[in-house]
């Protein structure tokens, strides 16, 4: 693994911190373009004017991404002088054998559950700006700024959690992160936040974001702690991802149903209650993962 035996946490922390930096930059670029192209203040702008400004945001960001892709093709060209070894051909039987080996590892099953629950929380960050607009009464530009600023927090969290994971254990940091997520989610779910509780709103979204973004660092830094053999790490990551990233499929429709069935603050409370339930399941799985691999430590020493 790229971070070496004892630097997995910071390696994944820097990776996700960098992704957070790019997301933060693009988020603020979009807000800047949107605000410049609006002729009038957003409160008095027509729907047509806002749609036209948003169209240019998408167009300009698409052009930038295309240019970055072209630049990567130019910069990362294959070096004809570099000698590369021929890829080792693996038979279908060996592939299925690897799958069977991986499926016999309890750590793999627990990581599937952990990442599924954690990624559910990550998908819920999509509605922070919508919450700020519909419940807190922010205008569209200020609400979008809330989401972009949280992406900036992701940079700091990634590096700090990565360092802590290397100093302690990834599983311990996962337990703490789920506990933080549960606290923040319950504050939302129990209806403590109202339009006038701006400070509590800010504190709570930072709390939930801290718990959720921490997992972006911890997802696969726990592979080594789970005693998954290096020879089948790729197979393990593939299977874990197959289950762990399913919130990409079901979270959008699930949140849409809850928000449509209960318009206003109540719908958002149900969404965050769902987050609290998933976080509790993830907390239990993280504790079992931590306990399982704590028992295995003496054998490895």
Protein backbone atom coordinates (compact mmCIF):
# COMPACT_ATOMS: atom_id res chain seq x y z
CA UNK A 1 0.00 0.00 0.00
CA UNK A 2 1.23 3.49 -0.85
CA UNK A 3 1.62 4.73 2.73
CA UNK A 4 3.86 1.90 3.93
CA UNK A 5 3.16 -0.30 6.90
CA UNK A 6 2.85 2.45 9.52
CA UNK A 7 1.66 5.44 7.46
CA UNK A 8 -1.63 4.27 6.01
CA UNK A 9 -3.67 6.84 7.92
CA UNK A 10 -1.74 9.92 6.79
CA UNK A 11 -1.50 8.55 3.23
CA UNK A 12 -5.28 8.28 2.93
CA UNK A 13 -5.67 11.51 4.93
CA UNK A 14 -3.59 13.48 2.42
CA UNK A 15 -5.45 11.81 -0.44
CA UNK A 16 -8.87 12.80 0.89
CA UNK A 17 -7.63 16.18 2.05
CA UNK A 18 -6.53 16.83 -1.53
CA UNK A 19 -9.92 15.75 -2.85
CA UNK A 20 -11.55 18.06 -0.33
CA UNK A 21 -9.36 20.94 -1.51
CA UNK A 22 -10.38 20.38 -5.14
CA UNK A 23 -14.07 20.13 -4.19
CA UNK A 24 -13.77 23.27 -2.05
CA UNK A 25 -12.13 25.21 -4.90
CA UNK A 26 -14.73 24.13 -7.48
CA UNK A 27 -17.56 24.88 -5.06
CA UNK A 28 -16.42 28.45 -4.50
CA UNK A 29 -15.64 28.89 -8.19
CA UNK A 30 -19.25 27.95 -8.98
CA UNK A 31 -20.59 30.38 -6.37
CA UNK A 32 -18.34 33.17 -7.70
CA UNK A 33 -19.43 32.63 -11.30
CA UNK A 34 -23.09 32.41 -10.29
CA UNK A 35 -22.96 35.65 -8.28
CA UNK A 36 -21.09 37.55 -11.02
CA UNK A 37 -23.49 36.52 -13.78
CA UNK A 38 -26.62 37.46 -11.85
CA UNK A 39 -27.60 40.97 -12.93
CA UNK A 40 -29.73 41.64 -9.84
CA UNK A 41 -29.54 40.49 -6.23
CA UNK A 42 -30.57 36.84 -5.95
CA UNK A 43 -33.65 37.72 -3.87
CA UNK A 44 -35.13 39.73 -6.77
CA UNK A 45 -33.73 37.68 -9.68
CA UNK A 46 -36.20 35.78 -11.82
CA UNK A 47 -36.08 32.01 -12.25
CA UNK A 48 -34.95 32.49 -15.86
CA UNK A 49 -32.01 34.67 -14.77
CA UNK A 50 -30.92 32.13 -12.17
CA UNK A 51 -31.19 29.26 -14.65
CA UNK A 52 -29.05 31.16 -17.16
CA UNK A 53 -26.38 31.92 -14.53
CA UNK A 54 -26.35 28.27 -13.43
CA UNK A 55 -26.00 27.16 -17.05
CA UNK A 56 -22.78 29.14 -17.33
CA UNK A 57 -21.52 27.66 -14.04
CA UNK A 58 -21.92 24.15 -15.46
CA UNK A 59 -20.41 25.16 -18.81
CA UNK A 60 -17.31 26.85 -17.36
CA UNK A 61 -16.64 24.05 -14.84
CA UNK A 62 -17.02 21.46 -17.63
CA UNK A 63 -14.47 23.32 -19.77
CA UNK A 64 -12.00 23.46 -16.87
CA UNK A 65 -12.38 19.73 -16.18
CA UNK A 66 -11.88 18.95 -19.88
CA UNK A 67 -8.70 21.05 -19.95
CA UNK A 68 -7.40 19.24 -16.86
CA UNK A 69 -8.07 15.90 -18.58
CA UNK A 70 -6.14 16.99 -21.69
CA UNK A 71 -3.28 18.24 -19.50
CA UNK A 72 -3.09 14.88 -17.71
CA UNK A 73 -2.91 13.04 -21.03
CA UNK A 74 0.02 15.24 -22.05
CA UNK A 75 1.87 15.11 -18.73
CA UNK A 76 1.32 11.42 -17.92
CA UNK A 77 2.40 9.99 -21.25
CA UNK A 78 4.04 6.56 -21.22
CA UNK A 79 7.81 6.68 -21.18
CA UNK A 80 9.03 4.52 -24.10
CA UNK A 81 12.41 4.05 -22.37
CA UNK A 82 10.86 2.70 -19.20
CA UNK A 83 10.89 -1.08 -18.96
CA UNK A 84 7.71 -2.62 -17.65
CA UNK A 85 7.20 -6.21 -16.62
CA UNK A 86 4.54 -8.26 -18.34
CA UNK A 87 1.31 -8.52 -16.34
CA UNK A 88 0.81 -11.81 -14.54
CA UNK A 89 -2.13 -13.69 -16.03
CA UNK A 90 -4.53 -15.06 -13.40
CA UNK A 91 -6.92 -17.85 -14.27
CA UNK A 92 -10.65 -17.68 -13.63
CA UNK A 93 -10.22 -20.41 -11.04
CA UNK A 94 -7.68 -18.29 -9.16
CA UNK A 95 -10.00 -15.29 -9.26
CA UNK A 96 -12.87 -17.26 -7.73
CA UNK A 97 -10.43 -18.73 -5.22
CA UNK A 98 -9.46 -15.23 -4.13
CA UNK A 99 -13.13 -14.30 -3.70
CA UNK A 100 -13.70 -17.36 -1.51
CA UNK A 101 -10.65 -16.54 0.62
CA UNK A 102 -11.81 -12.96 1.11
CA UNK A 103 -15.38 -13.95 1.97
CA UNK A 104 -14.07 -16.17 4.78
CA UNK A 105 -12.53 -13.15 6.54
CA UNK A 106 -14.79 -11.60 9.23
CA UNK A 107 -12.96 -8.28 8.84
CA UNK A 108 -14.15 -7.99 5.24
CA UNK A 109 -17.81 -8.42 6.21
CA UNK A 110 -17.48 -5.90 9.01
CA UNK A 111 -15.77 -3.38 6.73
CA UNK A 112 -18.61 -3.79 4.22
CA UNK A 113 -21.11 -2.76 6.92
CA UNK A 114 -18.87 0.00 8.28
CA UNK A 115 -18.30 1.65 4.91
CA UNK A 116 -21.97 1.30 3.90
CA UNK A 117 -23.03 3.10 7.10
CA UNK A 118 -20.30 5.73 6.79
CA UNK A 119 -21.03 6.41 3.13
CA UNK A 120 -24.70 6.87 3.99
CA UNK A 121 -23.59 9.79 6.15
CA UNK A 122 -21.44 11.16 3.34
CA UNK A 123 -24.41 11.15 0.94
CA UNK A 124 -26.50 13.10 3.46
CA UNK A 125 -24.02 15.99 3.20
CA UNK A 126 -25.71 16.65 -0.17
CA UNK A 127 -28.70 18.18 1.63
CA UNK A 128 -26.87 20.62 3.92
CA UNK A 129 -27.32 23.50 1.49
CA UNK A 130 -30.96 22.53 0.92
CA UNK A 131 -31.52 22.49 4.70
CA UNK A 132 -29.94 25.94 5.03
CA UNK A 133 -32.23 27.27 2.30
CA UNK A 134 -35.54 25.63 3.21
CA UNK A 135 -35.35 25.46 7.02
CA UNK A 136 -32.91 28.18 8.06
CA UNK A 137 -34.11 30.66 5.43
CA UNK A 138 -30.75 31.31 3.72
CA UNK A 139 -30.83 32.52 0.11
CA UNK A 140 -29.46 30.23 -2.61
CA UNK A 141 -25.98 31.78 -2.69
CA UNK A 142 -25.49 31.72 1.10
CA UNK A 143 -26.88 28.18 1.29
CA UNK A 144 -24.42 27.02 -1.39
CA UNK A 145 -21.61 28.68 0.57
CA UNK A 146 -22.51 26.49 3.58
CA UNK A 147 -21.87 23.33 1.54
CA UNK A 148 -18.64 24.69 0.04
CA UNK A 149 -17.25 25.77 3.41
CA UNK A 150 -17.86 22.29 4.80
CA UNK A 151 -15.72 20.90 1.97
CA UNK A 152 -12.94 23.14 3.28
CA UNK A 153 -13.27 21.49 6.69
CA UNK A 154 -12.73 18.15 4.95
CA UNK A 155 -9.14 19.18 4.13
CA UNK A 156 -8.24 19.68 7.80
CA UNK A 157 -10.17 16.66 9.06
CA UNK A 158 -8.52 14.33 6.54
CA UNK A 159 -5.00 15.20 7.67
CA UNK A 160 -5.75 15.27 11.42
CA UNK A 161 -7.68 11.98 11.42
CA UNK A 162 -4.98 10.36 9.28
CA UNK A 163 -2.29 11.31 11.79
CA UNK A 164 -4.41 10.13 14.73
CA UNK A 165 -5.17 6.82 12.98
CA UNK A 166 -1.43 6.18 12.60
CA UNK A 167 -0.79 7.05 16.26
CA UNK A 168 -3.67 4.90 17.55
CA UNK A 169 -5.73 2.53 15.37
CA UNK A 170 -8.11 3.13 12.50
CA UNK A 171 -10.86 1.10 14.19
CA UNK A 172 -10.71 3.28 17.31
CA UNK A 173 -11.04 6.43 15.19
CA UNK A 174 -14.02 4.85 13.39
CA UNK A 175 -15.77 4.24 16.72
CA UNK A 176 -15.20 7.88 17.74
CA UNK A 177 -16.32 9.16 14.32
CA UNK A 178 -19.59 7.20 14.42
CA UNK A 179 -20.25 8.46 17.96
CA UNK A 180 -19.73 12.07 16.82
CA UNK A 181 -22.02 11.50 13.84
CA UNK A 182 -24.78 10.08 16.07
CA UNK A 183 -24.65 13.12 18.37
CA UNK A 184 -24.93 15.57 15.48
CA UNK A 185 -27.62 13.56 13.69
CA UNK A 186 -29.79 13.34 16.81
CA UNK A 187 -29.63 17.11 17.36
CA UNK A 188 -31.10 17.51 13.87
CA UNK A 189 -33.54 14.59 14.19
CA UNK A 190 -35.01 15.69 17.53
CA UNK A 191 -35.89 19.12 16.19
CA UNK A 192 -33.59 21.23 18.36
CA UNK A 193 -32.56 23.36 15.37
CA UNK A 194 -34.92 26.11 14.25
CA UNK A 195 -34.60 29.12 11.96
CA UNK A 196 -33.32 31.37 14.77
CA UNK A 197 -30.77 28.90 16.25
CA UNK A 198 -28.01 29.86 13.82
CA UNK A 199 -25.11 29.08 16.16
CA UNK A 200 -26.49 25.64 17.03
CA UNK A 201 -27.03 24.96 13.32
CA UNK A 202 -23.41 25.85 12.54
CA UNK A 203 -22.07 23.77 15.43
CA UNK A 204 -24.17 20.75 14.49
CA UNK A 205 -23.35 20.63 10.78
CA UNK A 206 -19.66 20.91 11.67
CA UNK A 207 -20.11 18.07 14.17
CA UNK A 208 -21.79 15.80 11.62
CA UNK A 209 -19.29 16.79 8.92
CA UNK A 210 -16.38 15.95 11.24
CA UNK A 211 -17.73 12.47 11.87
CA UNK A 212 -18.65 11.85 8.24
CA UNK A 213 -15.52 13.24 6.57
CA UNK A 214 -13.28 11.35 9.00
CA UNK A 215 -14.42 8.14 7.34
CA UNK A 216 -13.19 9.28 3.95
CA UNK A 217 -9.73 8.91 5.48
CA UNK A 218 -10.42 5.71 7.43
CA UNK A 219 -12.24 3.66 4.76
CA UNK A 220 -9.29 1.65 3.53
CA UNK A 221 -6.55 2.52 6.02
CA UNK A 222 -8.24 -0.18 8.14
CA UNK A 223 -7.38 -2.88 5.58
CA UNK A 224 -4.00 -3.54 7.19
CA UNK A 225 -5.47 -3.58 10.69
CA UNK A 226 -8.03 -6.15 9.53
CA UNK A 227 -5.21 -8.62 8.78
CA UNK A 228 -6.29 -8.94 5.15
CA UNK A 229 -3.47 -10.62 3.18
CA UNK A 230 -1.73 -8.31 0.72
CA UNK A 231 -2.15 -10.90 -2.06
CA UNK A 232 -5.94 -10.51 -1.99
CA UNK A 233 -6.17 -6.85 -1.00
CA UNK A 234 -7.47 -5.85 -4.44
CA UNK A 235 -10.19 -8.49 -4.30
CA UNK A 236 -11.12 -7.43 -0.76
CA UNK A 237 -11.33 -3.74 -1.68
CA UNK A 238 -13.50 -4.62 -4.68
CA UNK A 239 -15.98 -6.65 -2.63
CA UNK A 240 -16.05 -4.11 0.20
CA UNK A 241 -16.69 -1.31 -2.30
CA UNK A 242 -19.43 -3.29 -4.04
CA UNK A 243 -21.47 -3.28 -0.84
CA UNK A 244 -20.08 -0.18 0.86
CA UNK A 245 -20.89 2.25 -1.93
CA UNK A 246 -24.48 1.11 -2.49
CA UNK A 247 -25.74 4.35 -0.84
CA UNK A 248 -24.94 5.92 -4.22
CA UNK A 249 -27.92 3.88 -5.47
CA UNK A 250 -30.48 4.10 -2.68
CA UNK A 251 -29.75 7.25 -0.65
CA UNK A 252 -30.93 9.74 -3.27
CA UNK A 253 -34.36 8.10 -3.69
CA UNK A 254 -34.64 7.45 0.07
CA UNK A 255 -33.99 11.09 0.97
CA UNK A 256 -36.31 12.25 -1.80
CA UNK A 257 -39.18 10.08 -0.50
CA UNK A 258 -38.72 11.30 3.09
CA UNK A 259 -38.54 14.96 2.07
CA UNK A 260 -41.52 14.71 -0.29
CA UNK A 261 -43.72 12.85 2.21
CA UNK A 262 -42.96 15.35 4.99
CA UNK A 263 -42.24 18.81 3.55
CA UNK A 264 -40.27 21.29 5.63
CA UNK A 265 -38.28 20.64 8.79
CA UNK A 266 -40.04 17.33 9.57
CA UNK A 267 -38.74 15.69 6.40
CA UNK A 268 -35.17 16.69 7.22
CA UNK A 269 -35.60 15.37 10.76
CA UNK A 270 -36.53 11.98 9.31
CA UNK A 271 -33.47 12.04 7.05
CA UNK A 272 -31.17 12.72 9.99
CA UNK A 273 -32.93 10.05 12.07
CA UNK A 274 -32.07 7.62 9.27
CA UNK A 275 -28.46 8.82 9.52
CA UNK A 276 -28.45 8.23 13.29
CA UNK A 277 -29.71 4.65 12.80
CA UNK A 278 -27.06 3.85 10.18
CA UNK A 279 -24.38 5.46 12.36
CA UNK A 280 -25.44 3.30 15.32
CA UNK A 281 -25.16 0.16 13.18
CA UNK A 282 -21.75 1.37 11.99
CA UNK A 283 -20.67 2.03 15.58
CA UNK A 284 -21.53 -1.55 16.58
CA UNK A 285 -19.71 -2.96 13.53
CA UNK A 286 -16.66 -0.76 14.27
CA UNK A 287 -16.57 -1.97 17.87
CA UNK A 288 -16.73 -5.61 16.71
CA UNK A 289 -13.98 -4.92 14.14
CA UNK A 290 -11.82 -3.29 16.83
CA UNK A 291 -12.43 -6.15 19.27
CA UNK A 292 -11.81 -8.85 16.65
CA UNK A 293 -8.46 -7.43 15.62
CA UNK A 294 -7.42 -6.63 19.19
CA UNK A 295 -7.74 -10.34 19.96
CA UNK A 296 -5.56 -11.15 16.95
CA UNK A 297 -2.75 -8.75 17.94
CA UNK A 298 -0.88 -11.10 20.32
CA UNK A 299 -0.70 -13.78 17.62
CA UNK A 300 0.98 -11.35 15.23
CA UNK A 301 3.49 -10.11 17.80
